Amino acid sequence: MSDFKLRPIGTKVIIKPTTKEKITKAGIILPEMKSAGDVNLARVMSVGKGTNEQSMKLSKGDIVAYNLNSGDKLEYEGERYIVAKQTELFAIVKN
């Protein structure tokens, strides 16, 4: 995670959704199915610098809750990410 090369602009963040896959006895991987209204979790991979009007409340490594409709989908080096405005995310998940 320390060599992540993408940096969002302004108050945007790049998040990597966490996945919950089930593996059958035969070894078939079944991804978790979600609908657009479901709340999901993701890890913050990179954070913009903010603006004069809005400071960044998130940090790299935070776990956040978001909706499937949040942000724009991005594929980079074979991995899937979401670029979203900080205000599109619902909450920071504390351990």
C-alpha atoms as a PDB file:
ATOM      1  CA  MET A   1       0.000   0.000   0.000  1.00  0.00           C
ATOM      2  CA  SER A   2       2.967   2.372   0.499  1.00  0.00           C
ATOM      3  CA  ASP A   3       3.867   2.429  -3.231  1.00  0.00           C
ATOM      4  CA  PHE A   4       0.428   3.474  -4.463  1.00  0.00           C
ATOM      5  CA  LYS A   5       1.080   5.778  -7.420  1.00  0.00           C
ATOM      6  CA  LEU A   6      -2.283   7.487  -7.919  1.00  0.00           C
ATOM      7  CA  ARG A   7      -3.132  10.721  -6.088  1.00  0.00           C
ATOM      8  CA  PRO A   8      -6.585  12.254  -6.405  1.00  0.00           C
ATOM      9  CA  ILE A   9      -7.130  15.984  -6.886  1.00  0.00           C
ATOM     10  CA  GLY A  10      -8.824  18.329  -4.397  1.00  0.00           C
ATOM     11  CA  THR A  11     -11.211  16.661  -1.970  1.00  0.00           C
ATOM     12  CA  LYS A  12     -11.348  13.316  -3.755  1.00  0.00           C
ATOM     13  CA  VAL A  13     -10.124   9.994  -2.392  1.00  0.00           C
ATOM     14  CA  ILE A  14      -9.275   6.697  -4.016  1.00  0.00           C
ATOM     15  CA  ILE A  15     -10.768   3.693  -2.232  1.00  0.00           C
ATOM     16  CA  LYS A  16     -10.383  -0.046  -2.778  1.00  0.00           C
ATOM     17  CA  PRO A  17     -13.558  -1.992  -2.036  1.00  0.00           C
ATOM     18  CA  THR A  18     -13.234  -4.940   0.309  1.00  0.00           C
ATOM     19  CA  THR A  19     -14.614  -8.170  -1.090  1.00  0.00           C
ATOM     20  CA  LYS A  20     -16.247 -11.090   0.600  1.00  0.00           C
ATOM     21  CA  GLU A  21     -16.038 -14.136  -1.603  1.00  0.00           C
ATOM     22  CA  LYS A  22     -17.339 -17.587  -0.840  1.00  0.00           C
ATOM     23  CA  ILE A  23     -15.468 -20.633  -2.079  1.00  0.00           C
ATOM     24  CA  THR A  24     -17.508 -23.753  -2.722  1.00  0.00           C
ATOM     25  CA  LYS A  25     -16.256 -27.247  -1.849  1.00  0.00           C
ATOM     26  CA  ALA A  26     -15.433 -27.685  -5.540  1.00  0.00           C
ATOM     27  CA  GLY A  27     -13.198 -24.573  -5.413  1.00  0.00           C
ATOM     28  CA  ILE A  28     -15.526 -22.249  -7.319  1.00  0.00           C
ATOM     29  CA  ILE A  29     -15.293 -18.621  -6.155  1.00  0.00           C
ATOM     30  CA  LEU A  30     -18.687 -16.936  -5.722  1.00  0.00           C
ATOM     31  CA  PRO A  31     -18.505 -13.137  -5.309  1.00  0.00           C
ATOM     32  CA  GLU A  32     -20.870 -11.468  -2.862  1.00  0.00           C
ATOM     33  CA  MET A  33     -23.850 -10.014  -4.704  1.00  0.00           C
ATOM     34  CA  LYS A  34     -24.996  -6.543  -3.684  1.00  0.00           C
ATOM     35  CA  SER A  35     -27.621  -4.124  -4.893  1.00  0.00           C
ATOM     36  CA  ALA A  36     -27.100  -0.410  -5.532  1.00  0.00           C
ATOM     37  CA  GLY A  37     -28.684   0.564  -2.190  1.00  0.00           C
ATOM     38  CA  ASP A  38     -26.331  -1.545  -0.068  1.00  0.00           C
ATOM     39  CA  VAL A  39     -23.628   0.052   2.075  1.00  0.00           C
ATOM     40  CA  ASN A  40     -20.156  -1.347   1.447  1.00  0.00           C
ATOM     41  CA  LEU A  41     -16.722  -1.019   3.041  1.00  0.00           C
ATOM     42  CA  ALA A  42     -13.489   0.074   1.406  1.00  0.00           C
ATOM     43  CA  ARG A  43      -9.930   0.993   2.372  1.00  0.00           C
ATOM     44  CA  VAL A  44      -8.676   4.504   1.568  1.00  0.00           C
ATOM     45  CA  MET A  45      -5.667   4.114  -0.720  1.00  0.00           C
ATOM     46  CA  SER A  46      -4.874   7.779  -1.441  1.00  0.00           C
ATOM     47  CA  VAL A  47      -6.206  11.181  -0.372  1.00  0.00           C
ATOM     48  CA  GLY A  48      -6.227  14.530  -2.177  1.00  0.00           C
ATOM     49  CA  LYS A  49      -4.791  17.659  -0.555  1.00  0.00           C
ATOM     50  CA  GLY A  50      -8.182  19.279   0.017  1.00  0.00           C
ATOM     51  CA  THR A  51      -9.076  22.857  -0.873  1.00  0.00           C
ATOM     52  CA  ASN A  52      -9.076  26.227   0.891  1.00  0.00           C
ATOM     53  CA  GLU A  53     -12.780  25.690   1.595  1.00  0.00           C
ATOM     54  CA  GLN A  54     -12.640  22.028   2.681  1.00  0.00           C
ATOM     55  CA  SER A  55      -9.919  20.165   4.556  1.00  0.00           C
ATOM     56  CA  MET A  56      -9.496  16.423   4.291  1.00  0.00           C
ATOM     57  CA  LYS A  57     -10.991  14.364   7.131  1.00  0.00           C
ATOM     58  CA  LEU A  58      -9.782  11.011   5.775  1.00  0.00           C
ATOM     59  CA  SER A  59      -6.342   9.430   5.881  1.00  0.00           C
ATOM     60  CA  LYS A  60      -4.666   6.696   3.889  1.00  0.00           C
ATOM     61  CA  GLY A  61      -5.575   3.321   5.410  1.00  0.00           C
ATOM     62  CA  ASP A  62      -8.942   4.385   6.874  1.00  0.00           C
ATOM     63  CA  ILE A  63     -11.847   1.985   6.380  1.00  0.00           C
ATOM     64  CA  VAL A  64     -14.920   3.831   5.103  1.00  0.00           C
ATOM     65  CA  ALA A  65     -18.556   3.016   4.372  1.00  0.00           C
ATOM     66  CA  TYR A  66     -19.895   3.974   0.938  1.00  0.00           C
ATOM     67  CA  ASN A  67     -22.800   3.290  -1.422  1.00  0.00           C
ATOM     68  CA  LEU A  68     -22.284   1.368  -4.678  1.00  0.00           C
ATOM     69  CA  ASN A  69     -23.411   4.484  -6.575  1.00  0.00           C
ATOM     70  CA  SER A  70     -20.620   6.591  -5.044  1.00  0.00           C
ATOM     71  CA  GLY A  71     -17.790   7.905  -7.197  1.00  0.00           C
ATOM     72  CA  ASP A  72     -16.337   6.739 -10.475  1.00  0.00           C
ATOM     73  CA  LYS A  73     -14.972   3.258 -11.122  1.00  0.00           C
ATOM     74  CA  LEU A  74     -11.287   3.016 -12.049  1.00  0.00           C
ATOM     75  CA  GLU A  75      -9.129   0.069 -13.041  1.00  0.00           C
ATOM     76  CA  TYR A  76      -5.381   0.524 -12.517  1.00  0.00           C
ATOM     77  CA  GLU A  77      -2.721  -2.170 -12.862  1.00  0.00           C
ATOM     78  CA  GLY A  78      -5.387  -4.884 -12.860  1.00  0.00           C
ATOM     79  CA  GLU A  79      -7.052  -3.724  -9.615  1.00  0.00           C
ATOM     80  CA  ARG A  80     -10.443  -2.051  -9.213  1.00  0.00           C
ATOM     81  CA  TYR A  81     -10.769   1.231  -7.325  1.00  0.00           C
ATOM     82  CA  ILE A  82     -13.329   3.983  -6.840  1.00  0.00           C
ATOM     83  CA  VAL A  83     -12.519   7.700  -7.054  1.00  0.00           C
ATOM     84  CA  ALA A  84     -15.044   9.549  -4.880  1.00  0.00           C
ATOM     85  CA  LYS A  85     -15.525  12.922  -3.286  1.00  0.00           C
ATOM     86  CA  GLN A  86     -14.897  12.842   0.444  1.00  0.00           C
ATOM     87  CA  THR A  87     -18.510  13.974   0.972  1.00  0.00           C
ATOM     88  CA  GLU A  88     -19.865  10.894  -0.889  1.00  0.00           C
ATOM     89  CA  LEU A  89     -18.587   8.557   1.830  1.00  0.00           C
ATOM     90  CA  PHE A  90     -20.824   7.833   4.835  1.00  0.00           C
ATOM     91  CA  ALA A  91     -18.553   7.053   7.749  1.00  0.00           C
ATOM     92  CA  ILE A  92     -15.117   6.044   8.981  1.00  0.00           C
ATOM     93  CA  VAL A  93     -15.168   2.580  10.563  1.00  0.00           C
ATOM     94  CA  LYS A  94     -13.250   2.535  13.846  1.00  0.00           C
ATOM     95  CA  ASN A  95     -11.652  -0.673  15.120  1.00  0.00           C
END
